[in-house]
Protein backbone atom coordinates (compact mmCIF):
# COMPACT_ATOMS: atom_id res chain seq x y z
CA MET A 1 0.00 0.00 0.00
CA THR A 2 1.43 3.41 -0.98
CA THR A 3 1.88 6.23 1.51
CA LEU A 4 -0.97 8.12 -0.15
CA HIS A 5 -3.29 5.12 0.09
CA LYS A 6 -2.47 4.74 3.78
CA LEU A 7 -3.36 8.39 4.22
CA LEU A 8 -6.68 7.89 2.42
CA VAL A 9 -7.63 5.04 4.72
CA ALA A 10 -6.97 7.26 7.74
CA LEU A 11 -9.00 10.09 6.26
CA ALA A 12 -12.30 8.25 6.38
CA ILE A 13 -11.88 7.80 10.12
CA SER A 14 -10.79 11.35 10.89
CA MET A 15 -13.15 13.23 8.60
CA VAL A 16 -16.23 13.31 10.82
CA ILE A 17 -14.28 14.46 13.88
CA LEU A 18 -12.51 17.26 12.01
CA PHE A 19 -15.46 18.70 10.18
CA THR A 20 -17.89 18.63 13.08
CA SER A 21 -15.40 20.44 15.31
CA CYS A 22 -14.70 23.38 12.95
CA SER A 23 -16.91 26.44 13.25
CA THR A 24 -17.03 29.70 11.30
CA ASP A 25 -19.76 31.25 13.42
CA ASP A 26 -18.08 34.46 14.55
CA ASP A 27 -20.72 37.02 13.62
CA ASN A 28 -21.76 37.61 17.22
CA ASN A 29 -18.28 38.44 18.49
CA THR A 30 -17.88 41.93 17.08
CA PRO A 31 -16.83 44.52 19.71
CA ALA A 32 -18.67 47.77 20.38
CA ILE A 33 -17.18 50.60 18.31
CA ASN A 34 -17.78 54.35 18.45
CA TYR A 35 -17.35 55.10 14.74
CA THR A 36 -15.88 58.46 13.77
CA THR A 37 -13.80 57.91 10.62
CA ALA A 38 -12.59 54.86 8.72
CA GLU A 39 -9.02 55.62 9.77
CA ASN A 40 -9.99 55.85 13.43
CA LEU A 41 -11.91 52.59 13.11
CA LEU A 42 -8.81 50.76 11.89
CA THR A 43 -6.72 52.34 14.63
CA ASP A 44 -9.24 51.48 17.34
CA ILE A 45 -9.37 47.80 16.41
CA ASN A 46 -5.56 47.60 16.16
CA PHE A 47 -5.54 46.74 12.47
CA GLN A 48 -2.04 45.86 11.28
CA GLY A 49 -1.34 45.97 7.56
CA TYR A 50 -2.15 48.19 4.59
CA ALA A 51 -5.63 49.60 3.98
CA ILE A 52 -7.32 51.32 1.05
CA ILE A 53 -10.88 52.59 1.40
CA THR A 54 -12.28 54.99 -1.21
CA LYS A 55 -15.64 56.70 -1.54
CA ASN A 56 -16.96 58.63 -4.54
CA GLY A 57 -13.46 58.93 -5.99
CA ASN A 58 -11.84 60.14 -2.77
CA ASP A 59 -9.54 58.31 -0.36
CA LEU A 60 -10.91 57.72 3.12
CA VAL A 61 -7.85 55.61 3.97
CA ARG A 62 -4.70 54.84 2.01
CA GLN A 63 -1.95 53.98 4.46
CA GLY A 64 -0.17 51.34 6.48
CA PHE A 65 -0.82 50.53 10.11
CA GLY A 66 1.86 49.03 12.34
CA LEU A 67 4.99 47.38 10.98
CA ALA A 68 5.41 44.95 8.12
CA ASN A 69 8.38 43.38 9.90
CA GLU A 70 8.91 43.96 13.60
CA THR A 71 12.52 42.74 13.47
CA THR A 72 13.73 44.89 10.58
CA THR A 73 11.16 47.69 11.27
CA LEU A 74 10.04 47.47 7.63
CA SER A 75 7.04 49.71 7.01
CA GLN A 76 3.77 48.59 5.47
CA ASP A 77 3.73 49.63 1.83
CA TYR A 78 1.43 49.94 -1.19
CA GLU A 79 3.83 47.79 -3.23
CA LEU A 80 4.75 45.25 -0.54
CA ALA A 81 3.50 41.67 -0.91
CA TYR A 82 1.15 39.90 1.51
CA ARG A 83 -0.36 36.44 1.40
CA ILE A 84 -3.99 36.93 0.34
CA GLY A 85 -5.40 33.47 1.15
CA SER A 86 -8.92 32.87 -0.14
CA VAL A 87 -9.10 36.20 -1.96
CA SER A 88 -7.33 34.01 -4.54
CA LYS A 89 -10.73 32.41 -5.19
CA THR A 90 -11.86 35.57 -6.99
CA LEU A 91 -9.03 34.93 -9.48
CA THR A 92 -9.89 31.24 -9.91
CA ALA A 93 -13.55 32.06 -10.52
CA ALA A 94 -12.59 34.75 -13.03
CA ALA A 95 -10.34 32.26 -14.83
CA VAL A 96 -13.29 29.86 -15.15
CA VAL A 97 -15.29 32.71 -16.68
CA GLN A 98 -12.38 33.12 -19.10
CA LEU A 99 -12.66 29.40 -19.92
CA LYS A 100 -16.19 30.05 -21.07
CA ARG A 101 -15.08 33.05 -23.12
CA ASP A 102 -12.40 30.91 -24.73
CA GLY A 103 -14.88 28.14 -25.54
CA TYR A 104 -13.40 25.51 -23.22
CA VAL A 105 -16.76 25.26 -21.44
CA THR A 106 -20.15 26.05 -22.91
CA SER A 107 -22.10 26.63 -19.70
CA PHE A 108 -21.57 26.94 -15.96
CA ASN A 109 -24.26 24.25 -15.72
CA GLN A 110 -22.01 21.58 -17.23
CA THR A 111 -21.51 18.72 -14.79
CA LEU A 112 -18.22 17.31 -13.56
CA ASP A 113 -18.79 13.90 -15.13
CA GLU A 114 -18.30 15.59 -18.53
CA PHE A 115 -14.68 16.20 -17.53
CA ASP A 116 -14.03 13.20 -15.25
CA SER A 117 -16.42 10.30 -15.79
CA GLU A 118 -15.25 8.66 -12.55
CA PHE A 119 -15.82 11.62 -10.24
CA PRO A 120 -18.29 10.43 -7.56
CA ASN A 121 -21.71 12.06 -7.99
CA GLY A 122 -20.20 14.01 -10.87
CA ASP A 123 -23.44 13.89 -12.84
CA GLN A 124 -25.08 16.00 -10.11
CA ILE A 125 -22.39 18.66 -9.54
CA THR A 126 -22.10 21.62 -11.92
CA ILE A 127 -19.34 24.16 -12.41
CA ALA A 128 -21.68 26.75 -10.88
CA HIS A 129 -22.13 24.51 -7.83
CA LEU A 130 -18.34 24.51 -7.37
CA LEU A 131 -17.88 28.25 -7.66
CA SER A 132 -20.85 29.06 -5.39
CA HIS A 133 -20.07 26.40 -2.76
CA GLN A 134 -23.27 24.49 -3.48
CA SER A 135 -21.62 21.19 -4.43
CA GLY A 136 -21.77 19.46 -1.06
CA ILE A 137 -18.14 18.34 -1.52
CA PRO A 138 -16.38 18.14 1.86
CA ASP A 139 -13.41 20.41 2.55
CA TYR A 140 -10.03 18.70 2.44
CA GLN A 141 -8.06 21.53 4.09
CA PHE A 142 -7.64 20.44 7.69
CA ILE A 143 -7.04 16.81 6.82
CA VAL A 144 -4.39 17.60 4.23
CA GLU A 145 -2.74 20.19 6.47
CA ASP A 146 -2.47 17.48 9.11
CA ALA A 147 -0.92 15.14 6.53
CA PHE A 148 1.74 17.73 5.73
CA GLU A 149 2.44 18.12 9.44
CA GLN A 150 3.00 14.36 9.56
CA GLY A 151 5.60 14.68 6.80
CA GLU A 152 3.50 13.76 3.75
CA ILE A 153 4.18 15.69 0.55
CA LEU A 154 1.10 15.95 -1.65
CA ASP A 155 0.51 17.83 -4.89
CA GLU A 156 -2.82 19.00 -6.31
CA GLU A 157 -3.44 15.66 -8.04
CA ASP A 158 -2.90 13.82 -4.74
CA ILE A 159 -5.31 16.18 -2.99
CA TYR A 160 -7.86 15.60 -5.77
CA GLU A 161 -7.56 11.87 -5.04
CA VAL A 162 -8.14 12.61 -1.36
CA ILE A 163 -11.31 14.55 -2.21
CA THR A 164 -12.74 11.82 -4.45
CA TYR A 165 -11.93 9.19 -1.82
CA LEU A 166 -13.74 11.18 0.87
CA ILE A 167 -16.86 11.42 -1.31
CA SER A 168 -16.72 7.74 -2.27
CA GLU A 169 -16.43 6.65 1.36
CA ASN A 170 -18.70 9.20 3.07
CA GLY A 171 -20.84 10.77 0.39
CA LEU A 172 -21.51 14.46 -0.15
CA ASN A 173 -22.37 16.73 2.76
CA PHE A 174 -25.69 17.55 1.03
CA ALA A 175 -27.35 17.17 -2.34
CA PRO A 176 -25.78 19.57 -4.87
CA GLY A 177 -27.76 22.80 -5.07
CA ALA A 178 -29.69 22.09 -1.87
CA SER A 179 -27.49 24.18 0.44
CA LYS A 180 -24.29 26.24 0.60
CA GLN A 181 -21.18 25.32 2.58
CA TYR A 182 -17.79 26.94 2.10
CA SER A 183 -15.31 24.34 0.89
CA ASN A 184 -11.81 24.80 -0.50
CA SER A 185 -12.27 21.54 -2.40
CA ASN A 186 -14.53 23.35 -4.88
CA TYR A 187 -11.76 25.68 -5.94
CA LEU A 188 -8.98 23.12 -6.11
CA ILE A 189 -11.21 21.15 -8.50
CA ALA A 190 -11.92 24.32 -10.51
CA ALA A 191 -8.19 25.04 -10.79
CA LEU A 192 -7.52 21.50 -11.98
CA LEU A 193 -10.31 21.91 -14.54
CA ILE A 194 -8.51 24.99 -15.86
CA GLN A 195 -5.31 22.98 -16.25
CA GLU A 196 -7.01 20.00 -17.87
CA LEU A 197 -8.95 21.99 -20.44
CA THR A 198 -6.26 24.50 -21.41
CA GLN A 199 -3.26 22.16 -21.08
CA MET A 200 -1.62 25.10 -19.34
CA PRO A 201 -0.61 25.39 -15.68
CA TYR A 202 -3.33 27.05 -13.63
CA HIS A 203 -1.13 29.95 -12.52
CA ASN A 204 0.09 30.56 -16.08
CA TYR A 205 -3.47 30.75 -17.40
CA ILE A 206 -4.33 33.41 -14.80
CA GLN A 207 -1.08 35.22 -15.54
CA GLN A 208 -1.87 35.29 -19.25
CA ASN A 209 -5.53 36.26 -18.99
CA ILE A 210 -5.71 38.48 -15.89
CA PHE A 211 -2.33 39.66 -14.62
CA ASN A 212 -0.71 40.57 -17.93
CA PRO A 213 -3.66 42.55 -19.37
CA LEU A 214 -4.09 44.44 -16.08
CA GLU A 215 -0.34 44.86 -15.50
CA MET A 216 -0.56 43.11 -12.12
CA GLY A 217 3.13 42.28 -12.03
CA ASP A 218 3.38 41.64 -8.30
CA THR A 219 0.66 39.00 -7.88
CA LEU A 220 2.39 35.62 -7.85
CA LYS A 221 2.02 32.02 -6.77
CA GLY A 222 3.00 31.87 -3.12
CA THR A 223 5.89 29.92 -1.67
CA ASP A 224 6.13 27.83 1.48
CA ALA A 225 8.33 30.51 3.08
CA ILE A 226 7.95 34.20 2.26
CA ASN A 227 10.80 36.38 1.03
CA PRO A 228 11.22 38.98 3.80
CA ASN A 229 12.67 41.47 1.31
CA THR A 230 9.48 41.58 -0.74
CA HIS A 231 6.80 40.41 1.72
CA ALA A 232 5.37 41.61 4.98
CA GLU A 233 6.17 39.14 7.74
CA GLY A 234 3.06 37.40 9.07
CA TYR A 235 2.33 37.28 12.79
CA LYS A 236 0.14 35.33 15.15
CA ASP A 237 -0.03 36.08 18.88
CA GLY A 238 3.00 38.32 18.55
CA ASN A 239 5.20 35.70 16.90
CA ALA A 240 6.35 35.47 13.29
CA ASN A 241 4.17 32.91 11.51
CA SER A 242 4.67 33.12 7.76
CA THR A 243 5.39 29.56 6.65
CA TYR A 244 2.69 27.44 5.03
CA PRO A 245 2.71 24.35 2.73
CA ILE A 246 1.37 26.34 -0.19
CA ALA A 247 0.47 23.22 -2.20
CA VAL A 248 -2.44 22.75 0.22
CA ALA A 249 -4.03 25.96 -1.06
CA PHE A 250 -3.80 25.19 -4.79
CA GLY A 251 -6.52 27.16 -6.57
CA ALA A 252 -8.13 28.11 -3.28
CA GLY A 253 -5.67 30.46 -1.60
CA ASP A 254 -2.11 30.25 -2.89
CA PHE A 255 -1.43 33.74 -4.26
CA SER A 256 0.56 36.59 -2.76
CA SER A 257 -0.17 40.14 -3.88
CA THR A 258 0.31 43.82 -3.11
CA PRO A 259 -2.23 46.48 -2.14
CA LYS A 260 -1.50 48.10 -5.51
CA ASP A 261 -2.37 44.96 -7.50
CA MET A 262 -5.41 44.16 -5.38
CA GLU A 263 -6.72 47.69 -5.92
CA THR A 264 -6.19 47.22 -9.65
CA TRP A 265 -8.05 43.90 -9.59
CA THR A 266 -10.93 45.19 -7.47
CA ASN A 267 -11.39 48.24 -9.66
CA ALA A 268 -11.30 46.07 -12.78
CA VAL A 269 -14.07 43.84 -11.42
CA LYS A 270 -16.02 46.89 -10.30
CA THR A 271 -15.91 48.35 -13.82
CA THR A 272 -15.37 46.44 -17.04
CA TRP A 273 -13.47 43.16 -16.53
CA PHE A 274 -16.78 41.27 -16.50
CA THR A 275 -19.56 42.02 -18.95
CA THR A 276 -23.02 42.95 -17.68
CA VAL A 277 -24.28 39.45 -18.55
CA GLU A 278 -21.34 37.84 -16.74
CA LYS A 279 -21.96 39.99 -13.66
CA ASP A 280 -25.53 38.69 -13.54
CA ASP A 281 -24.09 35.16 -13.30
CA ILE A 282 -21.26 35.98 -10.92
CA PHE A 283 -22.86 38.13 -8.23
CA ALA A 284 -25.67 36.80 -6.05
CA GLN A 285 -28.89 38.62 -6.85
CA ASP A 286 -31.86 39.71 -4.71
CA VAL A 287 -30.06 39.33 -1.37
CA PRO A 288 -32.33 40.60 1.44
CA SER A 289 -31.14 43.47 3.62
CA GLY A 290 -29.05 42.18 6.51
CA TYR A 291 -28.01 38.99 4.70
CA VAL A 292 -24.92 37.63 2.98
CA ASP A 293 -24.97 35.27 -0.02
CA PHE A 294 -22.32 33.71 -2.23
CA GLY A 295 -22.15 33.99 -6.00
CA LEU A 296 -19.42 32.67 -8.29
CA GLY A 297 -16.31 33.68 -6.38
CA TRP A 298 -17.74 36.72 -4.56
CA PHE A 299 -19.88 37.31 -1.47
CA THR A 300 -22.76 39.77 -1.64
CA THR A 301 -23.65 41.60 1.57
CA GLN A 302 -26.81 43.71 1.46
CA GLU A 303 -27.47 46.39 4.06
CA GLY A 304 -30.48 48.56 3.30
CA ASN A 305 -29.95 49.96 -0.19
CA THR A 306 -26.19 49.41 -0.06
CA THR A 307 -24.58 46.39 -1.74
CA LEU A 308 -21.07 45.21 -0.90
CA TYR A 309 -19.40 42.65 -3.18
CA TRP A 310 -16.36 41.14 -1.50
CA HIS A 311 -14.20 38.20 -0.55
CA GLY A 312 -11.94 37.59 2.43
CA GLY A 313 -8.97 35.36 3.09
CA ASP A 314 -7.13 33.83 6.03
CA ILE A 315 -3.82 31.99 5.98
CA ASN A 316 -0.98 31.57 8.48
CA GLY A 317 0.02 35.02 9.73
CA TYR A 318 -2.33 37.01 7.48
CA TRP A 319 -5.90 38.00 6.71
CA SER A 320 -7.24 39.90 3.73
CA MET A 321 -10.33 41.40 2.15
CA ILE A 322 -11.15 43.08 -1.15
CA GLY A 323 -14.52 44.53 -2.10
CA PHE A 324 -16.47 47.30 -3.75
CA ILE A 325 -19.74 49.20 -3.27
CA PRO A 326 -21.23 50.37 -6.58
CA GLU A 327 -23.61 52.91 -5.01
CA TYR A 328 -20.64 54.89 -3.68
CA ASP A 329 -18.03 53.98 -6.31
CA ALA A 330 -16.18 52.57 -3.29
CA THR A 331 -13.16 50.27 -3.28
CA ILE A 332 -11.91 48.39 -0.21
CA VAL A 333 -8.57 46.60 0.04
CA LEU A 334 -7.35 45.31 3.40
CA LEU A 335 -4.16 43.23 3.58
CA SER A 336 -3.16 42.39 7.13
CA ASN A 337 -0.02 40.67 8.42
CA LYS A 338 -1.57 39.88 11.78
CA GLN A 339 -3.58 36.65 11.83
CA ASP A 340 -7.17 36.94 13.07
CA ASP A 341 -8.51 33.41 13.57
CA THR A 342 -11.97 34.58 14.61
CA GLY A 343 -12.60 37.00 11.74
CA ILE A 344 -13.62 39.67 14.24
CA GLN A 345 -11.62 42.46 12.59
CA ARG A 346 -13.00 41.80 9.11
CA ASN A 347 -16.57 41.47 10.42
CA THR A 348 -16.24 44.66 12.48
CA ILE A 349 -14.89 46.67 9.56
CA ILE A 350 -17.67 45.49 7.22
CA GLU A 351 -20.37 46.17 9.81
CA GLN A 352 -19.07 49.62 10.73
CA LEU A 353 -18.51 50.77 7.16
CA LEU A 354 -21.95 49.65 5.99
CA THR A 355 -23.67 51.07 9.06
CA ASN A 356 -21.86 54.39 9.33
CA GLU A 357 -19.93 55.26 6.17
CA PHE A 358 -21.98 53.75 3.36
CA ASN A 359 -25.54 53.94 4.62
CA GLN A 360 -28.09 55.21 2.13
């Protein structure tokens, strides 16, 4: 039995324990804030990183907070790199849209069995289900991270085998389309689909179709260890914490980028990178006030008459968020080098901005 097969056998046993113990319910933990300005908000919550918040063409915030490296006293900077974690999913989703433009797929409703006849339940799972987290496919992240900690070295094809094994042994978490549950597995599969159909490495396809046209020269595939000369050092609980087995995040969170490039990307999505018809597919529609829904690679948060389209990311030592508010021609880019496991800072910023700064 190969090492990978031994791992797969262990996965079936550990899966239930891992996924029933993980919670993302942090919405009720936001602290009380006396909002004055966006800059004061970030200062009050001890945000560490670089922030851009614009409104009607004017900067509310465009500056760094704290240090990018506490040892070298490197300052936060507009052109400094940060791990962006799951904000990478906006790039993967956009690349799948490009697949459709290029004729590699004909519809987001195509099912996975058209591309892999052996994928379990593949006749029920569509591309749209993947990108909107409606597939029911369990998340591999914690199990594969544990495997790396035990010394296993897996690539994206190995992780794909892990995912298919989990489904074969335990089934889907729910019937495709019946519910929504955030799962990194969806985006690893989407990235592999890009590679299979284009016969081009996933990162190269995004480079060719997104980064080069937009001149995003500083958004790159991440590495296990950051380069301290080009990256902000990540921190958790006051200690440097920047290493991560980046293969785990293939397609789901493996890019590093700068505030400059993320502003470019957010503004492109806000304006003309997607057509009007594509935007109708990508962004969740008719979201009630006070609710959040997930489209194809982007969250939609509705508060009164104000709509925020956004995505966040979390990875060792860092958290991130990009978003835009059409009603105010607003752009938000937050790249932090101080890990926030609970998501309190991101939730607080969204709540305060929508309640106090962007509140029609």
